[in-house]
């Protein structure tokens, strides 16, 4: 598997194909920061690119890509949870007044 193939695959699952359409330079096989302001799409392109190893098998490349996306999902979940906890705290304080 080539990096462009991996980006196309990831982008096919993303809103409006933005990863490939806005944040990937297929000619140079690297992220392109000239996109439309969707920093999550840019983040995905960068993460997949930075962990890609062209000498690995397609299976190993996919495993690495899944791992990096799962790690990002976990980190985003942690941030979301912290925000939810703060909101709950504020709602409890408001109810006590």
Protein backbone atom coordinates (compact mmCIF):
# COMPACT_ATOMS: atom_id res chain seq x y z
CA UNK A 1 0.00 0.00 0.00
CA UNK A 2 1.21 3.48 -0.81
CA UNK A 3 0.61 6.53 1.39
CA UNK A 4 -1.70 8.04 -1.24
CA UNK A 5 -3.85 4.90 -1.07
CA UNK A 6 -4.05 5.13 2.72
CA UNK A 7 -5.02 8.80 2.52
CA UNK A 8 -7.71 8.04 -0.07
CA UNK A 9 -9.09 5.31 2.19
CA UNK A 10 -9.18 7.55 5.27
CA UNK A 11 -10.59 10.44 3.28
CA UNK A 12 -13.41 8.30 1.88
CA UNK A 13 -14.73 8.01 5.44
CA UNK A 14 -14.34 11.70 6.24
CA UNK A 15 -16.85 14.50 5.64
CA UNK A 16 -16.74 15.74 2.05
CA UNK A 17 -13.54 13.76 1.40
CA UNK A 18 -11.69 16.72 2.95
CA UNK A 19 -8.52 14.89 3.90
CA UNK A 20 -7.67 14.16 0.28
CA UNK A 21 -9.50 17.10 -1.24
CA UNK A 22 -8.05 19.81 0.98
CA UNK A 23 -5.06 18.55 2.93
CA UNK A 24 -3.07 16.12 0.84
CA UNK A 25 -0.51 16.71 -1.89
CA UNK A 26 -0.72 13.56 -4.03
CA UNK A 27 2.20 14.61 -6.21
CA UNK A 28 4.62 15.02 -3.29
CA UNK A 29 3.00 12.37 -1.05
CA UNK A 30 2.70 14.64 1.98
CA UNK A 31 0.26 16.81 3.91
CA UNK A 32 -0.68 20.13 2.36
CA UNK A 33 -1.50 22.89 4.86
CA UNK A 34 -3.34 25.05 2.33
CA UNK A 35 -6.77 23.60 3.17
CA UNK A 36 -10.07 25.16 4.12
CA UNK A 37 -9.72 25.42 7.91
CA UNK A 38 -10.71 21.87 8.86
CA UNK A 39 -7.83 21.22 11.24
CA UNK A 40 -9.11 17.76 12.15
CA UNK A 41 -8.71 16.66 8.53
CA UNK A 42 -5.23 18.16 8.48
CA UNK A 43 -4.42 16.41 11.77
CA UNK A 44 -5.49 13.05 10.31
CA UNK A 45 -3.38 13.58 7.20
CA UNK A 46 -0.36 14.50 9.29
CA UNK A 47 -0.77 11.59 11.71
CA UNK A 48 -1.15 9.01 8.97
CA UNK A 49 1.81 10.44 7.09
CA UNK A 50 4.07 10.60 10.14
CA UNK A 51 3.47 6.98 11.07
CA UNK A 52 3.54 5.54 7.55
CA UNK A 53 6.40 3.19 6.70
CA UNK A 54 6.59 2.36 2.97
CA UNK A 55 8.64 -0.78 3.63
CA UNK A 56 5.89 -2.28 5.83
CA UNK A 57 3.27 -4.63 4.47
CA UNK A 58 -0.19 -3.24 3.77
CA UNK A 59 -1.46 -5.08 6.83
CA UNK A 60 1.20 -3.52 9.07
CA UNK A 61 0.52 -0.09 7.61
CA UNK A 62 -3.18 -0.45 8.36
CA UNK A 63 -2.46 -1.66 11.89
CA UNK A 64 -0.23 1.38 12.50
CA UNK A 65 -2.87 3.71 11.04
CA UNK A 66 -5.58 2.19 13.22
CA UNK A 67 -3.38 2.52 16.30
CA UNK A 68 -2.67 6.20 15.69
CA UNK A 69 -6.35 6.94 15.02
CA UNK A 70 -7.42 4.98 18.11
CA UNK A 71 -4.90 6.91 20.21
CA UNK A 72 -6.28 10.19 18.85
CA UNK A 73 -9.84 9.02 19.52
CA UNK A 74 -8.91 8.20 23.11
CA UNK A 75 -7.27 11.58 23.64
CA UNK A 76 -10.25 13.41 22.16
CA UNK A 77 -12.53 11.35 24.38
CA UNK A 78 -10.51 12.38 27.43
CA UNK A 79 -10.83 16.04 26.51
CA UNK A 80 -14.56 15.68 25.89
CA UNK A 81 -15.00 13.92 29.23
CA UNK A 82 -13.16 16.71 31.09
CA UNK A 83 -15.40 19.30 29.43
CA UNK A 84 -18.51 17.31 30.33
CA UNK A 85 -17.37 17.05 33.94
CA UNK A 86 -16.92 20.82 34.13
CA UNK A 87 -20.34 21.39 32.61
CA UNK A 88 -21.91 19.01 35.15
CA UNK A 89 -20.10 20.87 37.94
CA UNK A 90 -21.42 24.20 36.70
CA UNK A 91 -24.95 22.81 36.35
CA UNK A 92 -24.82 21.47 39.95
CA UNK A 93 -23.63 24.86 41.24
CA UNK A 94 -26.40 26.61 39.34
CA UNK A 95 -28.98 24.28 40.88
CA UNK A 96 -27.76 25.10 44.39
CA UNK A 97 -28.24 28.86 43.99
